[in-house]
Structures are given as C-alpha cells and as structure tokens.
Amino acid sequence: MLQIYAPPLLDALHAYPSGHPQNALDAGDALGLDLYLYGPKVPPSYISNGQRAEWKAQAVSYWADRAGAEGKQVWLAEMQAQPWGTLSGFGPADLIDSALDYRQERLQVVLLCGVDTWLSNPAWLAAANQAQAILRTS
C-alpha cells in the first residue's frame, strides 16, 4: 500500500519496494516467498517469533491456494535458518517452530537461508536436522 499511496514514506520507514506476489505468480510457474522472522527491518516488539511464523504460515497458505487454483507452485525461496548477522533475536527453537508452521502446506521447494551457523554450533546443527525432517514430512 505504501508503494502505491505514499512512496515518500518508504525512505522514512527504511522500507523498500518489493512488488506484489500476484504479479510474480502471474509471471511464472511458481511463486517464491522469502520468510524472515527476525532481522534488521523487524523492530523489537512484544510480538514473538512464534506469532510472526504463524502469520507467515497464513500468508503461505493463502498464496498456496491461489497458486494451486492456477496450477502453479509456491516455494519458500528463503526461509530464515540462522540469526541475521550479529542480531540475537532468532534461535534454534525458532527454526524448528517455523518449520512446524510452514509444513502445513505441500511446498515443493524450501530453501533454507543462512546455514553457515550450523557447522560451528551443535545446537544449530541439531535444530537444522530436525527442521529439515519436519519439512520433508509435509
């Protein structure tokens, strides 16, 4: 809405134009969604990562229904799988919880973004293995 009705606010809010998912769905055979729960553009608030994951799962469900009606797929092109940089607001439990939420849809592709934390941290590696197993059972 900001892109259409109030473009000057994009800079003030440190937002960036992203287009509309329907345009991307119309243009291709699959719609790729990026799902980040915690990062530099997410202000600290009383909303938990679990609640954000539930909202994003609802968005995935909505777009999966629309894509399915057109004979197309929805992919998770980037699913947050580690903390963003040095921010500490996303942990191994958040990765598992988001996998549980997102597995509700039959997604053909899920690409996990930010896996370099896994190799140096046993807790992250265990969470990653569990999240992958959850996503494969959908």
N, C-alpha and C. Protein backbone atom coordinates (compact mmCIF):
# COMPACT_ATOMS: atom_id res chain seq x y z
N MET A 1 0.81 -1.18 0.00
CA MET A 1 0.00 0.00 0.00
C MET A 1 0.87 1.26 0.00
N LEU A 2 1.97 1.22 0.77
CA LEU A 2 2.84 2.38 0.80
C LEU A 2 3.43 2.67 -0.58
N GLN A 3 3.79 1.63 -1.30
CA GLN A 3 4.37 1.82 -2.62
C GLN A 3 3.41 2.56 -3.54
N ILE A 4 2.12 2.31 -3.39
CA ILE A 4 1.13 2.92 -4.26
C ILE A 4 0.71 4.30 -3.77
N TYR A 5 0.39 4.41 -2.47
CA TYR A 5 -0.24 5.63 -1.96
C TYR A 5 0.68 6.60 -1.24
N ALA A 6 1.82 6.14 -0.77
CA ALA A 6 2.69 7.03 -0.01
C ALA A 6 4.17 6.68 -0.22
N PRO A 7 4.65 6.74 -1.46
CA PRO A 7 6.03 6.34 -1.72
C PRO A 7 7.07 7.09 -0.87
N PRO A 8 6.88 8.37 -0.53
CA PRO A 8 7.91 9.03 0.28
C PRO A 8 8.10 8.39 1.65
N LEU A 9 7.08 7.71 2.15
CA LEU A 9 7.22 7.07 3.46
C LEU A 9 8.16 5.87 3.43
N LEU A 10 8.38 5.31 2.26
CA LEU A 10 9.27 4.15 2.18
C LEU A 10 10.65 4.47 2.74
N ASP A 11 11.20 5.63 2.36
CA ASP A 11 12.51 6.02 2.87
C ASP A 11 12.45 6.32 4.35
N ALA A 12 11.41 7.02 4.79
CA ALA A 12 11.29 7.39 6.20
C ALA A 12 11.18 6.16 7.09
N LEU A 13 10.55 5.11 6.59
CA LEU A 13 10.36 3.89 7.37
C LEU A 13 11.46 2.85 7.11
N HIS A 14 12.44 3.22 6.30
CA HIS A 14 13.52 2.31 5.92
C HIS A 14 12.95 1.05 5.26
N ALA A 15 11.89 1.22 4.50
CA ALA A 15 11.29 0.11 3.77
C ALA A 15 11.81 0.12 2.35
N TYR A 16 11.49 -0.89 1.60
CA TYR A 16 11.92 -0.94 0.22
C TYR A 16 10.82 -1.58 -0.62
N PRO A 17 10.69 -1.13 -1.87
CA PRO A 17 9.66 -1.70 -2.73
C PRO A 17 9.91 -3.18 -2.97
N SER A 18 8.86 -3.94 -2.94
CA SER A 18 9.03 -5.37 -3.13
C SER A 18 8.08 -5.94 -4.18
N GLY A 19 7.22 -5.12 -4.73
CA GLY A 19 6.27 -5.63 -5.70
C GLY A 19 5.15 -6.37 -5.00
N HIS A 20 4.29 -6.98 -5.76
CA HIS A 20 3.17 -7.71 -5.20
C HIS A 20 3.29 -9.18 -5.60
N PRO A 21 3.03 -10.10 -4.69
CA PRO A 21 3.17 -11.53 -5.03
C PRO A 21 2.32 -11.97 -6.22
N GLN A 22 1.16 -11.35 -6.43
CA GLN A 22 0.32 -11.76 -7.55
C GLN A 22 1.02 -11.50 -8.88
N ASN A 23 1.74 -10.38 -8.97
CA ASN A 23 2.48 -10.09 -10.20
C ASN A 23 3.52 -11.17 -10.48
N ALA A 24 4.21 -11.60 -9.43
CA ALA A 24 5.22 -12.66 -9.60
C ALA A 24 4.55 -13.98 -9.96
N LEU A 25 3.42 -14.28 -9.33
CA LEU A 25 2.71 -15.53 -9.64
C LEU A 25 2.23 -15.53 -11.08
N ASP A 26 1.72 -14.40 -11.54
CA ASP A 26 1.25 -14.30 -12.91
C ASP A 26 2.37 -14.51 -13.92
N ALA A 27 3.57 -14.09 -13.56
CA ALA A 27 4.69 -14.11 -14.50
C ALA A 27 5.40 -15.45 -14.61
N GLY A 28 5.20 -16.33 -13.63
CA GLY A 28 5.99 -17.56 -13.65
C GLY A 28 5.17 -18.81 -13.37
N ASP A 29 5.88 -19.91 -13.23
CA ASP A 29 5.26 -21.19 -12.93
C ASP A 29 5.19 -21.45 -11.43
N ALA A 30 5.96 -20.66 -10.66
CA ALA A 30 5.99 -20.82 -9.21
C ALA A 30 6.18 -19.45 -8.58
N LEU A 31 5.67 -19.30 -7.38
CA LEU A 31 5.86 -18.08 -6.60
C LEU A 31 6.84 -18.39 -5.49
N GLY A 32 7.92 -17.64 -5.44
CA GLY A 32 8.91 -17.80 -4.37
C GLY A 32 8.71 -16.76 -3.30
N LEU A 33 8.57 -17.19 -2.06
CA LEU A 33 8.39 -16.28 -0.93
C LEU A 33 9.61 -16.33 -0.03
N ASP A 34 9.99 -15.19 0.51
CA ASP A 34 11.07 -15.10 1.49
C ASP A 34 10.42 -14.92 2.86
N LEU A 35 10.82 -15.74 3.82
CA LEU A 35 10.22 -15.70 5.15
C LEU A 35 11.30 -15.51 6.21
N TYR A 36 11.41 -14.28 6.66
CA TYR A 36 12.35 -13.95 7.74
C TYR A 36 11.53 -13.51 8.94
N LEU A 37 11.86 -14.08 10.10
CA LEU A 37 11.13 -13.74 11.32
C LEU A 37 11.78 -12.61 12.09
N TYR A 38 13.10 -12.54 12.02
CA TYR A 38 13.80 -11.55 12.83
C TYR A 38 15.03 -11.07 12.08
N GLY A 39 15.13 -9.76 11.93
CA GLY A 39 16.27 -9.18 11.23
C GLY A 39 16.30 -7.68 11.43
N PRO A 40 17.15 -6.99 10.68
CA PRO A 40 17.32 -5.55 10.89
C PRO A 40 16.08 -4.73 10.56
N LYS A 41 15.19 -5.23 9.72
CA LYS A 41 13.99 -4.47 9.36
C LYS A 41 12.80 -4.82 10.26
N VAL A 42 13.00 -5.72 11.23
CA VAL A 42 11.93 -6.10 12.15
C VAL A 42 12.18 -5.40 13.48
N PRO A 43 11.36 -4.40 13.80
CA PRO A 43 11.60 -3.69 15.05
C PRO A 43 11.32 -4.58 16.25
N PRO A 44 12.11 -4.43 17.31
CA PRO A 44 11.83 -5.18 18.53
C PRO A 44 10.42 -4.83 19.02
N SER A 45 9.69 -5.82 19.43
CA SER A 45 8.33 -5.55 19.89
C SER A 45 7.87 -6.68 20.78
N TYR A 46 6.62 -6.61 21.16
CA TYR A 46 6.03 -7.63 22.01
C TYR A 46 5.57 -8.83 21.20
N ILE A 47 5.72 -8.80 19.90
CA ILE A 47 5.27 -9.90 19.05
C ILE A 47 6.39 -10.93 18.97
N SER A 48 6.09 -12.15 19.34
CA SER A 48 7.10 -13.21 19.36
C SER A 48 7.39 -13.73 17.96
N ASN A 49 8.52 -14.39 17.82
CA ASN A 49 8.85 -15.03 16.56
C ASN A 49 7.82 -16.10 16.23
N GLY A 50 7.31 -16.78 17.25
CA GLY A 50 6.28 -17.79 17.02
C GLY A 50 5.03 -17.20 16.40
N GLN A 51 4.62 -16.03 16.89
CA GLN A 51 3.45 -15.37 16.31
C GLN A 51 3.73 -14.91 14.89
N ARG A 52 4.92 -14.38 14.65
CA ARG A 52 5.28 -13.98 13.29
C ARG A 52 5.27 -15.18 12.34
N ALA A 53 5.76 -16.33 12.83
CA ALA A 53 5.77 -17.55 11.99
C ALA A 53 4.34 -17.98 11.67
N GLU A 54 3.44 -17.88 12.63
CA GLU A 54 2.04 -18.23 12.37
C GLU A 54 1.44 -17.32 11.31
N TRP A 55 1.71 -16.03 11.40
CA TRP A 55 1.19 -15.09 10.40
C TRP A 55 1.77 -15.40 9.03
N LYS A 56 3.06 -15.69 8.98
CA LYS A 56 3.68 -16.01 7.70
C LYS A 56 3.13 -17.32 7.15
N ALA A 57 2.84 -18.28 8.02
CA ALA A 57 2.24 -19.54 7.58
C ALA A 57 0.86 -19.28 6.97
N GLN A 58 0.12 -18.34 7.53
CA GLN A 58 -1.18 -17.98 6.95
C GLN A 58 -1.00 -17.37 5.56
N ALA A 59 0.03 -16.55 5.40
CA ALA A 59 0.31 -15.97 4.09
C ALA A 59 0.70 -17.06 3.09
N VAL A 60 1.51 -18.02 3.53
CA VAL A 60 1.90 -19.13 2.65
C VAL A 60 0.65 -19.91 2.24
N SER A 61 -0.23 -20.16 3.18
CA SER A 61 -1.46 -20.89 2.88
C SER A 61 -2.30 -20.14 1.85
N TYR A 62 -2.44 -18.84 2.05
CA TYR A 62 -3.21 -18.01 1.12
C TYR A 62 -2.64 -18.11 -0.29
N TRP A 63 -1.32 -17.92 -0.40
CA TRP A 63 -0.69 -17.92 -1.72
C TRP A 63 -0.63 -19.32 -2.32
N ALA A 64 -0.53 -20.34 -1.48
CA ALA A 64 -0.55 -21.72 -1.99
C ALA A 64 -1.91 -22.03 -2.60
N ASP A 65 -2.98 -21.55 -1.96
CA ASP A 65 -4.33 -21.74 -2.51
C ASP A 65 -4.47 -21.04 -3.86
N ARG A 66 -4.00 -19.79 -3.93
CA ARG A 66 -4.09 -19.04 -5.18
C ARG A 66 -3.26 -19.69 -6.28
N ALA A 67 -2.04 -20.09 -5.92
CA ALA A 67 -1.18 -20.72 -6.91
C ALA A 67 -1.78 -22.05 -7.37
N GLY A 68 -2.28 -22.84 -6.44
CA GLY A 68 -2.88 -24.12 -6.79
C GLY A 68 -4.06 -23.97 -7.73
N ALA A 69 -4.85 -22.93 -7.53
CA ALA A 69 -6.00 -22.68 -8.40
C ALA A 69 -5.56 -22.37 -9.83
N GLU A 70 -4.31 -21.92 -9.98
CA GLU A 70 -3.77 -21.61 -11.31
C GLU A 70 -2.83 -22.71 -11.82
N GLY A 71 -2.77 -23.83 -11.09
CA GLY A 71 -1.89 -24.92 -11.49
C GLY A 71 -0.42 -24.62 -11.29
N LYS A 72 -0.13 -23.75 -10.32
CA LYS A 72 1.25 -23.34 -10.07
C LYS A 72 1.67 -23.75 -8.65
N GLN A 73 2.94 -23.55 -8.35
CA GLN A 73 3.51 -23.92 -7.06
C GLN A 73 3.89 -22.70 -6.25
N VAL A 74 4.03 -22.91 -4.95
CA VAL A 74 4.63 -21.91 -4.06
C VAL A 74 5.89 -22.52 -3.47
N TRP A 75 6.96 -21.78 -3.54
CA TRP A 75 8.23 -22.21 -2.97
C TRP A 75 8.60 -21.26 -1.83
N LEU A 76 9.26 -21.78 -0.83
CA LEU A 76 9.90 -20.90 0.14
C LEU A 76 11.31 -20.68 -0.38
N ALA A 77 11.49 -19.56 -1.05
CA ALA A 77 12.77 -19.27 -1.70
C ALA A 77 13.84 -18.94 -0.68
N GLU A 78 13.46 -18.38 0.44
CA GLU A 78 14.38 -18.12 1.54
C GLU A 78 13.61 -18.26 2.84
N MET A 79 13.93 -19.29 3.60
CA MET A 79 13.38 -19.46 4.93
C MET A 79 14.50 -19.22 5.92
N GLN A 80 14.31 -18.29 6.83
CA GLN A 80 15.36 -17.95 7.79
C GLN A 80 15.76 -19.18 8.58
N ALA A 81 17.07 -19.47 8.58
CA ALA A 81 17.57 -20.66 9.23
C ALA A 81 18.74 -20.38 10.17
N GLN A 82 18.99 -19.13 10.46
CA GLN A 82 20.02 -18.73 11.42
C GLN A 82 19.78 -17.27 11.79
N PRO A 83 20.46 -16.78 12.82
CA PRO A 83 20.31 -15.36 13.17
C PRO A 83 20.78 -14.47 12.02
N TRP A 84 20.23 -13.27 11.98
CA TRP A 84 20.62 -12.30 10.97
C TRP A 84 21.85 -11.57 11.49
N GLY A 85 22.98 -11.81 10.87
CA GLY A 85 24.22 -11.14 11.28
C GLY A 85 24.51 -11.36 12.76
N THR A 86 24.71 -10.26 13.46
CA THR A 86 25.02 -10.35 14.89
C THR A 86 23.78 -10.21 15.77
N LEU A 87 22.60 -10.11 15.16
CA LEU A 87 21.37 -10.00 15.95
C LEU A 87 21.07 -11.33 16.63
N SER A 88 20.60 -11.27 17.85
CA SER A 88 20.38 -12.50 18.61
C SER A 88 18.91 -12.82 18.81
N GLY A 89 18.02 -12.29 18.00
CA GLY A 89 16.59 -12.49 18.21
C GLY A 89 16.00 -13.70 17.54
N PHE A 90 16.83 -14.58 16.97
CA PHE A 90 16.33 -15.78 16.30
C PHE A 90 17.23 -16.93 16.71
N GLY A 91 16.62 -17.96 17.31
CA GLY A 91 17.40 -19.08 17.81
C GLY A 91 16.99 -20.41 17.21
N PRO A 92 17.68 -21.48 17.61
CA PRO A 92 17.37 -22.81 17.08
C PRO A 92 15.90 -23.21 17.26
N ALA A 93 15.31 -22.87 18.39
CA ALA A 93 13.90 -23.21 18.61
C ALA A 93 12.99 -22.49 17.61
N ASP A 94 13.36 -21.28 17.22
CA ASP A 94 12.58 -20.53 16.23
C ASP A 94 12.63 -21.22 14.86
N LEU A 95 13.77 -21.79 14.52
CA LEU A 95 13.89 -22.53 13.27
C LEU A 95 12.95 -23.74 13.27
N ILE A 96 12.94 -24.47 14.35
CA ILE A 96 12.07 -25.65 14.45
C ILE A 96 10.60 -25.23 14.44
N ASP A 97 10.26 -24.20 15.21
CA ASP A 97 8.86 -23.74 15.27
C ASP A 97 8.37 -23.28 13.90
N SER A 98 9.21 -22.56 13.16
CA SER A 98 8.78 -22.09 11.85
C SER A 98 8.62 -23.26 10.89
N ALA A 99 9.48 -24.26 10.98
CA ALA A 99 9.32 -25.46 10.13
C ALA A 99 7.99 -26.14 10.44
N LEU A 100 7.63 -26.22 11.71
CA LEU A 100 6.34 -26.81 12.09
C LEU A 100 5.18 -26.03 11.49
N ASP A 101 5.27 -24.72 11.50
CA ASP A 101 4.20 -23.89 10.95
C ASP A 101 4.13 -23.98 9.43
N TYR A 102 5.27 -23.97 8.77
CA TYR A 102 5.28 -23.92 7.31
C TYR A 102 5.00 -25.27 6.67
N ARG A 103 5.16 -26.36 7.39
CA ARG A 103 4.95 -27.68 6.79
C ARG A 103 3.48 -27.96 6.49
N GLN A 104 2.59 -27.11 6.95
CA GLN A 104 1.16 -27.34 6.75
C GLN A 104 0.78 -27.32 5.27
N GLU A 105 1.54 -26.61 4.48
CA GLU A 105 1.30 -26.56 3.04
C GLU A 105 2.21 -27.56 2.34
N ARG A 106 1.74 -28.10 1.26
CA ARG A 106 2.58 -29.02 0.48
C ARG A 106 3.49 -28.19 -0.42
N LEU A 107 4.63 -27.83 0.11
CA LEU A 107 5.58 -27.00 -0.61
C LEU A 107 6.55 -27.89 -1.38
N GLN A 108 6.75 -27.58 -2.64
CA GLN A 108 7.63 -28.38 -3.45
C GLN A 108 9.10 -28.06 -3.19
N VAL A 109 9.38 -26.84 -2.80
CA VAL A 109 10.76 -26.41 -2.57
C VAL A 109 10.81 -25.54 -1.32
N VAL A 110 11.77 -25.82 -0.44
CA VAL A 110 12.06 -24.97 0.70
C VAL A 110 13.57 -24.80 0.74
N LEU A 111 14.02 -23.58 0.53
CA LEU A 111 15.44 -23.27 0.57
C LEU A 111 15.73 -22.55 1.88
N LEU A 112 16.62 -23.13 2.67
CA LEU A 112 16.96 -22.55 3.97
C LEU A 112 18.09 -21.56 3.78
N CYS A 113 17.90 -20.36 4.29
CA CYS A 113 18.87 -19.29 4.10
C CYS A 113 19.69 -19.07 5.36
N GLY A 114 20.99 -19.07 5.21
CA GLY A 114 21.88 -18.79 6.32
C GLY A 114 22.25 -20.02 7.09
N VAL A 115 22.86 -20.97 6.45
CA VAL A 115 23.17 -22.22 7.12
C VAL A 115 24.60 -22.29 7.65
N ASP A 116 25.37 -21.21 7.49
CA ASP A 116 26.76 -21.26 7.93
C ASP A 116 26.90 -21.35 9.44
N THR A 117 25.89 -21.00 10.21
CA THR A 117 25.93 -21.14 11.67
C THR A 117 25.94 -22.61 12.08
N TRP A 118 25.33 -23.44 11.27
CA TRP A 118 25.13 -24.84 11.65
C TRP A 118 26.42 -25.59 11.91
N LEU A 119 27.41 -25.37 11.07
CA LEU A 119 28.62 -26.18 11.14
C LEU A 119 29.47 -25.92 12.37
N SER A 120 29.35 -24.74 12.93
CA SER A 120 30.18 -24.40 14.09
C SER A 120 29.42 -24.46 15.41
N ASN A 121 28.16 -24.90 15.37
CA ASN A 121 27.36 -24.89 16.58
C ASN A 121 26.47 -26.13 16.63
N PRO A 122 26.73 -27.04 17.54
CA PRO A 122 25.94 -28.28 17.61
C PRO A 122 24.44 -28.06 17.83
N ALA A 123 24.06 -27.03 18.58
CA ALA A 123 22.64 -26.76 18.81
C ALA A 123 21.95 -26.36 17.50
N TRP A 124 22.61 -25.54 16.71
CA TRP A 124 22.05 -25.14 15.42
C TRP A 124 21.99 -26.31 14.45
N LEU A 125 23.02 -27.15 14.44
CA LEU A 125 23.04 -28.31 13.56
C LEU A 125 21.91 -29.27 13.91
N ALA A 126 21.68 -29.49 15.20
CA ALA A 126 20.59 -30.38 15.63
C ALA A 126 19.24 -29.78 15.24
N ALA A 127 19.07 -28.47 15.43
CA ALA A 127 17.82 -27.81 15.06
C ALA A 127 17.61 -27.87 13.54
N ALA A 128 18.67 -27.69 12.79
CA ALA A 128 18.57 -27.74 11.33
C ALA A 128 18.15 -29.13 10.87
N ASN A 129 18.75 -30.15 11.44
CA ASN A 129 18.37 -31.52 11.07
C ASN A 129 16.92 -31.80 11.41
N GLN A 130 16.49 -31.32 12.57
CA GLN A 130 15.10 -31.53 12.96
C GLN A 130 14.15 -30.75 12.03
N ALA A 131 14.49 -29.51 11.71
CA ALA A 131 13.65 -28.69 10.83
C ALA A 131 13.54 -29.33 9.44
N GLN A 132 14.65 -29.84 8.93
CA GLN A 132 14.62 -30.49 7.61
C GLN A 132 13.74 -31.73 7.64
N ALA A 133 13.83 -32.49 8.70
CA ALA A 133 12.99 -33.69 8.82
C ALA A 133 11.51 -33.30 8.88
N ILE A 134 11.21 -32.25 9.61
CA ILE A 134 9.81 -31.78 9.70
C ILE A 134 9.32 -31.35 8.33
N LEU A 135 10.10 -30.58 7.62
CA LEU A 135 9.67 -30.08 6.31
C LEU A 135 9.54 -31.21 5.28
N ARG A 136 10.31 -32.25 5.42
CA ARG A 136 10.22 -33.37 4.48
C ARG A 136 8.99 -34.24 4.71
N THR A 137 8.39 -34.15 5.90
CA THR A 137 7.22 -34.98 6.21
C THR A 137 5.92 -34.30 5.87
N SER A 138 5.97 -33.14 5.28
CA SER A 138 4.72 -32.42 4.98
C SER A 138 3.91 -33.10 3.91
